[in-house]
Amino acid sequence: MICRRENRLIYLLKPISVVLLLFSIFSIVWLRSSFVSLEYRISSLEKKKTVLMRDMKMLAADRANLMSVERFEKVANNGTVNGGFAFPDRVKVVHVKKAKDKESYMAAFNKK
């Protein structure tokens, strides 16, 4: 009777062990493939990040170039934009006082 129990136990353990072995092999392969796909995703995101950082630096340089004082002076002296810039005469200057709350703004040619 003890021999029969051992035979039954061995008979049951063989298929269970085969199933567990196959399950563990497939799970290891699945985990490895997931890891590799994550590495590819991270690599592509890092490439995208470097491209965006380069674009950001280029845009910052363009902005600095466009906002430079030398550029404004060059445009003002060359007269390329709307006939150029000119300093206003003292007679043509209009001073606007800021009104309190909901009052209208006051404008005058003389400074008070």
Protein backbone atom coordinates (compact mmCIF):
# COMPACT_ATOMS: atom_id res chain seq x y z
CA MET A 1 0.00 0.00 0.00
CA ILE A 2 2.83 2.38 0.78
CA CYS A 3 4.41 1.48 -2.52
CA ARG A 4 1.21 2.39 -4.36
CA ARG A 5 1.09 5.78 -2.64
CA GLU A 6 4.64 6.52 -3.64
CA ASN A 7 3.90 5.47 -7.22
CA ARG A 8 0.87 7.75 -7.33
CA LEU A 9 2.89 10.61 -5.87
CA ILE A 10 5.66 10.12 -8.42
CA TYR A 11 3.08 9.73 -11.16
CA LEU A 12 1.55 13.12 -10.17
CA LEU A 13 4.83 14.94 -9.56
CA LYS A 14 6.28 14.23 -13.01
CA PRO A 15 3.64 16.19 -15.02
CA ILE A 16 3.50 18.96 -12.41
CA SER A 17 7.26 19.36 -12.51
CA VAL A 18 7.24 19.44 -16.32
CA VAL A 19 4.48 22.08 -16.30
CA LEU A 20 6.35 24.16 -13.72
CA LEU A 21 9.56 23.90 -15.69
CA LEU A 22 7.84 25.02 -18.91
CA PHE A 23 6.07 27.85 -17.08
CA SER A 24 9.33 29.08 -15.56
CA ILE A 25 11.13 28.96 -18.93
CA PHE A 26 8.35 30.92 -20.67
CA SER A 27 8.17 33.44 -17.85
CA ILE A 28 11.94 34.03 -18.02
CA VAL A 29 11.75 34.51 -21.81
CA TRP A 30 8.80 36.88 -21.43
CA LEU A 31 10.57 38.94 -18.76
CA ARG A 32 13.70 39.18 -20.86
CA SER A 33 11.77 40.30 -23.94
CA SER A 34 9.94 42.91 -21.86
CA PHE A 35 13.25 44.17 -20.55
CA VAL A 36 14.70 44.45 -24.04
CA SER A 37 11.64 46.33 -25.33
CA LEU A 38 11.90 48.76 -22.40
CA GLU A 39 15.56 49.33 -23.23
CA TYR A 40 14.61 50.16 -26.82
CA ARG A 41 11.94 52.60 -25.63
CA ILE A 42 14.36 54.29 -23.24
CA SER A 43 16.93 54.56 -26.00
CA SER A 44 14.47 56.20 -28.39
CA LEU A 45 13.32 58.62 -25.69
CA GLU A 46 16.92 59.57 -24.92
CA LYS A 47 17.53 60.28 -28.61
CA LYS A 48 14.39 62.40 -28.72
CA LYS A 49 15.53 64.25 -25.59
CA THR A 50 18.92 65.08 -27.13
CA VAL A 51 17.24 66.38 -30.30
CA LEU A 52 14.84 68.52 -28.27
CA MET A 53 17.65 69.85 -26.08
CA ARG A 54 19.62 70.80 -29.20
CA ASP A 55 16.55 72.54 -30.65
CA MET A 56 16.00 74.37 -27.37
CA LYS A 57 19.60 75.63 -27.37
CA MET A 58 19.28 76.76 -30.98
CA LEU A 59 16.04 78.60 -30.22
CA ALA A 60 17.59 80.25 -27.17
CA ALA A 61 20.50 81.41 -29.32
CA ASP A 62 18.12 82.75 -31.98
CA ARG A 63 16.11 84.56 -29.31
CA ALA A 64 19.24 86.09 -27.83
CA ASN A 65 20.30 87.21 -31.31
CA LEU A 66 16.91 88.73 -32.07
CA MET A 67 16.69 90.48 -28.69
CA SER A 68 20.22 91.90 -28.74
CA VAL A 69 20.67 95.64 -28.39
CA GLU A 70 23.12 95.68 -31.28
CA ARG A 71 20.43 94.34 -33.61
CA PHE A 72 17.98 97.05 -32.53
CA GLU A 73 20.62 99.72 -33.09
CA LYS A 74 21.48 98.26 -36.50
CA VAL A 75 17.83 98.22 -37.58
CA ALA A 76 17.33 101.75 -36.25
CA ASN A 77 20.38 103.09 -38.09
CA ASN A 78 19.71 101.29 -41.38
CA GLY A 79 16.08 102.35 -41.56
CA THR A 80 14.94 98.95 -42.86
CA VAL A 81 11.76 98.82 -40.79
CA ASN A 82 9.09 101.41 -41.62
CA GLY A 83 11.62 104.05 -42.58
CA GLY A 84 13.78 103.47 -39.51
CA PHE A 85 13.59 104.73 -35.97
CA ALA A 86 14.08 108.30 -34.82
CA PHE A 87 14.21 109.86 -31.40
CA PRO A 88 11.10 111.99 -30.83
CA ASP A 89 11.22 115.74 -30.43
CA ARG A 90 10.40 117.07 -27.00
CA VAL A 91 7.38 118.79 -28.50
CA LYS A 92 5.90 115.55 -29.81
CA VAL A 93 6.13 113.62 -26.53
CA VAL A 94 2.80 112.92 -24.83
CA HIS A 95 2.82 112.11 -21.12
CA VAL A 96 -0.02 109.94 -19.82
CA LYS A 97 -0.84 109.92 -16.13
CA LYS A 98 -2.25 106.75 -14.70
CA ALA A 99 -5.73 107.32 -13.37
CA LYS A 100 -6.95 106.01 -10.05
CA ASP A 101 -9.53 103.23 -10.14
CA LYS A 102 -12.10 103.80 -12.92
CA GLU A 103 -11.22 107.34 -13.97
CA SER A 104 -10.07 108.05 -17.51
CA TYR A 105 -6.42 108.61 -18.36
CA MET A 106 -5.09 112.16 -18.57
CA ALA A 107 -2.81 113.05 -21.46
CA ALA A 108 -0.87 116.26 -21.91
CA PHE A 109 2.04 117.61 -23.94
CA ASN A 110 3.71 119.13 -20.92
CA LYS A 111 5.08 117.20 -18.04
CA LYS A 112 3.39 117.80 -14.67
